[in-house]
């Protein structure tokens, strides 16, 4: 059972990694949000144990960006933030379960195994997501996260990637500015709402004359479509 442990406290991280390994988990451990997101994108895991208070990207941002990228790995949030409001934030960001610190190791193991069972059951009845998404000459490799145009890698900023990924998941369907803002600027409340328009403008320029159009539908949002 492949487990990703994300915990910034080195002592806690080492202790949990050893304890879970003794209980039959193969544990990869990282200590910051950027490393966690990279690890989640790079390889499959059966579950993720994610602390919220992380350097780089905090746990909520990691969750939001992972879900925006289409990563469906079960995530158990493990944190000292124990209020109801914090639990709601974590669950709304895409967490599957929540265990406040301090916790009992037996309960953590039981919750992880329950998450994995539910995930396995869902996979049995749900068709596998395609490894690639294509729209006209545009192609997205979901495993590597790369975007290609006419089989050439596209040079995109992380925000442009997040925007294009969200639009490609539902081609021909308008996505609201609010939904795209959450995918491109997860948890970044200091960013002005209109900033999404700047990212749309830059991505639209890169898609010019490619046979794929990024359209604005007044009052509805934006959609991506292949030109006839």
Protein backbone atom coordinates (compact mmCIF):
# COMPACT_ATOMS: atom_id res chain seq x y z
CA UNK A 1 0.00 0.00 0.00
CA UNK A 2 1.61 3.19 -1.25
CA UNK A 3 1.17 6.10 1.17
CA UNK A 4 2.31 9.72 0.82
CA UNK A 5 2.94 11.45 4.16
CA UNK A 6 3.13 15.26 4.12
CA UNK A 7 4.25 16.69 7.46
CA UNK A 8 6.56 19.67 8.03
CA UNK A 9 7.65 18.66 11.55
CA UNK A 10 10.72 16.49 10.98
CA UNK A 11 10.35 14.53 14.24
CA UNK A 12 6.67 13.83 13.65
CA UNK A 13 7.35 12.93 10.02
CA UNK A 14 10.07 10.42 10.89
CA UNK A 15 8.04 8.87 13.72
CA UNK A 16 4.93 8.45 11.57
CA UNK A 17 6.89 7.11 8.63
CA UNK A 18 8.49 4.40 10.76
CA UNK A 19 5.28 3.54 12.62
CA UNK A 20 3.20 3.23 9.44
CA UNK A 21 5.92 1.23 7.72
CA UNK A 22 5.78 -1.29 10.57
CA UNK A 23 2.04 -1.58 9.93
CA UNK A 24 2.50 -2.58 6.29
CA UNK A 25 2.49 0.75 4.45
CA UNK A 26 5.17 1.79 1.98
CA UNK A 27 5.59 5.43 2.99
CA UNK A 28 7.02 8.32 0.98
CA UNK A 29 7.47 11.36 3.24
CA UNK A 30 7.88 15.02 2.28
CA UNK A 31 7.95 18.19 4.36
CA UNK A 32 6.44 21.01 2.30
CA UNK A 33 3.49 21.76 0.05
CA UNK A 34 5.36 22.16 -3.23
CA UNK A 35 7.10 18.80 -2.80
CA UNK A 36 3.76 17.21 -1.90
CA UNK A 37 2.05 18.48 -5.04
CA UNK A 38 4.98 17.36 -7.19
CA UNK A 39 4.95 13.89 -5.62
CA UNK A 40 1.18 13.52 -6.02
CA UNK A 41 1.46 14.46 -9.69
CA UNK A 42 4.51 12.30 -10.39
CA UNK A 43 3.28 8.90 -9.21
CA UNK A 44 0.15 7.15 -7.96
CA UNK A 45 -0.50 6.61 -4.25
CA UNK A 46 -3.21 4.68 -2.48
CA UNK A 47 -3.73 7.51 0.03
CA UNK A 48 -2.22 10.78 1.25
CA UNK A 49 -1.85 11.95 4.86
CA UNK A 50 -1.68 15.73 4.62
CA UNK A 51 -0.88 18.30 7.28
CA UNK A 52 -2.46 21.73 6.72
CA UNK A 53 0.29 23.95 8.13
CA UNK A 54 3.02 23.59 5.51
CA UNK A 55 5.72 25.84 4.04
CA UNK A 56 5.63 26.61 0.32
CA UNK A 57 1.95 25.83 -0.21
CA UNK A 58 -0.30 25.18 2.75
CA UNK A 59 -2.36 22.01 2.88
CA UNK A 60 -5.54 23.62 1.57
CA UNK A 61 -3.69 24.95 -1.48
CA UNK A 62 -2.14 21.54 -2.12
CA UNK A 63 -5.59 19.94 -1.96
CA UNK A 64 -7.23 22.50 -4.24
CA UNK A 65 -4.50 22.33 -6.85
CA UNK A 66 -4.39 18.53 -6.77
CA UNK A 67 -8.14 18.27 -7.29
CA UNK A 68 -8.00 20.93 -10.04
CA UNK A 69 -5.45 18.73 -11.81
CA UNK A 70 -7.85 15.81 -11.68
CA UNK A 71 -5.97 13.86 -8.98
CA UNK A 72 -8.47 11.72 -7.10
CA UNK A 73 -6.16 10.06 -4.54
CA UNK A 74 -7.91 9.74 -1.15
CA UNK A 75 -6.60 12.41 1.24
CA UNK A 76 -6.76 12.34 5.02
CA UNK A 77 -6.08 15.74 6.57
CA UNK A 78 -4.01 15.52 9.73
CA UNK A 79 -3.70 18.80 11.60
CA UNK A 80 -3.75 20.66 14.89
CA UNK A 81 -6.54 22.86 13.53
CA UNK A 82 -9.48 21.20 15.19
CA UNK A 83 -12.35 23.65 14.81
CA UNK A 84 -15.47 22.84 12.82
CA UNK A 85 -14.71 25.70 10.43
CA UNK A 86 -11.29 24.28 9.63
CA UNK A 87 -12.76 20.84 9.04
CA UNK A 88 -15.32 22.29 6.64
CA UNK A 89 -12.59 24.16 4.75
CA UNK A 90 -10.54 20.99 4.39
CA UNK A 91 -13.46 18.88 3.25
CA UNK A 92 -14.63 21.53 0.79
CA UNK A 93 -11.11 21.73 -0.64
CA UNK A 94 -11.24 18.03 -1.47
CA UNK A 95 -10.25 16.09 1.67
CA UNK A 96 -11.85 12.68 2.17
CA UNK A 97 -11.37 12.48 5.93
CA UNK A 98 -10.11 14.59 8.82
CA UNK A 99 -8.18 13.59 11.94
CA UNK A 100 -7.14 16.30 14.44
CA UNK A 101 -3.92 16.16 16.45
CA UNK A 102 -3.22 14.60 18.88
CA UNK A 103 -4.45 11.30 17.50
CA UNK A 104 -4.21 7.58 18.15
CA UNK A 105 -2.09 5.64 15.67
CA UNK A 106 -4.59 2.77 15.60
CA UNK A 107 -7.34 5.19 14.56
CA UNK A 108 -5.13 6.71 11.86
CA UNK A 109 -4.42 3.25 10.44
CA UNK A 110 -8.11 2.28 10.56
CA UNK A 111 -9.17 5.47 8.78
CA UNK A 112 -6.51 5.03 6.09
CA UNK A 113 -7.54 1.46 5.39
CA UNK A 114 -11.20 2.53 5.23
CA UNK A 115 -10.32 5.27 2.72
CA UNK A 116 -8.41 2.79 0.57
CA UNK A 117 -11.29 0.29 0.63
CA UNK A 118 -13.79 2.92 -0.45
CA UNK A 119 -11.47 4.11 -3.20
CA UNK A 120 -10.96 0.57 -4.49
CA UNK A 121 -14.70 -0.05 -4.52
CA UNK A 122 -15.31 3.16 -6.46
CA UNK A 123 -12.61 2.24 -9.00
CA UNK A 124 -14.33 -1.09 -9.62
CA UNK A 125 -17.56 0.58 -10.72
CA UNK A 126 -16.07 3.70 -12.32
CA UNK A 127 -14.40 3.55 -15.74
CA UNK A 128 -10.76 4.60 -15.71
CA UNK A 129 -10.05 8.18 -16.72
CA UNK A 130 -8.25 8.44 -20.05
CA UNK A 131 -4.49 8.90 -19.86
CA UNK A 132 -4.74 11.71 -22.43
CA UNK A 133 -7.24 14.41 -23.30
CA UNK A 134 -7.23 15.75 -26.85
CA UNK A 135 -9.04 18.64 -28.48
CA UNK A 136 -8.10 19.37 -32.06
CA UNK A 137 -4.31 19.67 -32.19
CA UNK A 138 -4.16 20.16 -28.41
CA UNK A 139 -3.19 17.22 -26.20
CA UNK A 140 -2.84 16.89 -22.43
CA UNK A 141 -0.91 13.99 -20.92
CA UNK A 142 -2.59 13.52 -17.55
CA UNK A 143 0.21 11.36 -16.15
CA UNK A 144 3.05 13.78 -16.83
CA UNK A 145 0.93 16.93 -16.67
CA UNK A 146 2.39 18.15 -19.97
CA UNK A 147 0.45 19.98 -22.70
CA UNK A 148 1.26 19.53 -26.38
CA UNK A 149 0.23 21.43 -29.48
CA UNK A 150 0.83 19.63 -32.77
CA UNK A 151 2.89 17.20 -30.63
CA UNK A 152 5.21 20.02 -29.53
CA UNK A 153 5.42 20.83 -25.78
CA UNK A 154 3.67 24.07 -24.88
CA UNK A 155 5.39 26.71 -22.76
CA UNK A 156 2.81 27.58 -20.13
CA UNK A 157 3.02 29.18 -16.72
CA UNK A 158 1.58 27.18 -13.77
CA UNK A 159 -1.51 29.39 -13.78
CA UNK A 160 -2.02 28.94 -17.52
CA UNK A 161 -1.66 25.19 -17.01
CA UNK A 162 -4.28 25.19 -14.26
CA UNK A 163 -6.68 27.19 -16.45
CA UNK A 164 -6.16 25.03 -19.53
CA UNK A 165 -6.46 21.82 -17.51
CA UNK A 166 -9.83 22.88 -16.10
CA UNK A 167 -11.17 23.89 -19.51
CA UNK A 168 -9.92 20.71 -21.21
CA UNK A 169 -11.73 18.53 -18.73
CA UNK A 170 -15.04 19.91 -20.02
CA UNK A 171 -14.47 21.04 -23.64
CA UNK A 172 -17.36 22.83 -25.27
CA UNK A 173 -18.90 23.59 -21.89
CA UNK A 174 -18.78 27.02 -20.29
CA UNK A 175 -17.05 27.21 -16.93
CA UNK A 176 -17.84 30.15 -14.69
CA UNK A 177 -15.24 32.73 -13.80
CA UNK A 178 -15.69 31.78 -10.14
CA UNK A 179 -14.86 28.11 -10.74
CA UNK A 180 -11.82 28.93 -12.85
CA UNK A 181 -10.60 31.47 -10.30
CA UNK A 182 -10.64 28.74 -7.62
CA UNK A 183 -8.65 26.41 -9.88
CA UNK A 184 -6.05 29.01 -10.90
CA UNK A 185 -5.70 30.88 -7.58
CA UNK A 186 -6.59 28.27 -4.91
CA UNK A 187 -6.69 29.78 -1.44
CA UNK A 188 -5.06 33.02 -2.62
CA UNK A 189 -7.61 35.46 -1.25
CA UNK A 190 -5.22 38.38 -1.68
CA UNK A 191 -5.38 38.05 -5.50
CA UNK A 192 -7.90 40.31 -7.19
CA UNK A 193 -10.85 38.50 -8.76
CA UNK A 194 -10.17 40.17 -12.13
CA UNK A 195 -6.74 38.49 -12.28
CA UNK A 196 -8.35 35.46 -13.93
CA UNK A 197 -9.03 37.66 -16.97
CA UNK A 198 -5.30 38.31 -17.35
CA UNK A 199 -4.55 34.57 -17.35
CA UNK A 200 -7.34 34.00 -19.90
CA UNK A 201 -5.93 36.73 -22.13
CA UNK A 202 -2.42 35.25 -22.08
CA UNK A 203 -3.62 31.72 -22.74
CA UNK A 204 -5.86 32.91 -25.56
CA UNK A 205 -2.84 34.53 -27.25
CA UNK A 206 -0.91 31.27 -27.06
CA UNK A 207 -3.82 29.41 -28.65
CA UNK A 208 -4.25 31.91 -31.50
CA UNK A 209 -4.26 30.30 -34.96
CA UNK A 210 -3.98 26.79 -33.52
CA UNK A 211 -7.49 25.56 -34.35
CA UNK A 212 -8.51 25.70 -30.69
CA UNK A 213 -10.39 28.74 -29.39
CA UNK A 214 -10.83 30.06 -25.86
CA UNK A 215 -14.16 31.84 -25.96
CA UNK A 216 -15.79 34.28 -23.56
CA UNK A 217 -19.52 33.84 -23.04
CA UNK A 218 -20.89 36.93 -21.40
CA UNK A 219 -22.63 36.07 -18.16
CA UNK A 220 -21.62 32.39 -18.36
CA UNK A 221 -17.82 32.27 -18.29
CA UNK A 222 -15.31 30.72 -20.66
CA UNK A 223 -15.21 27.64 -22.84
CA UNK A 224 -12.65 25.83 -24.97
CA UNK A 225 -13.60 24.43 -28.36
CA UNK A 226 -11.99 23.09 -31.49
CA UNK A 227 -12.67 25.22 -34.56
CA UNK A 228 -14.76 23.60 -37.26
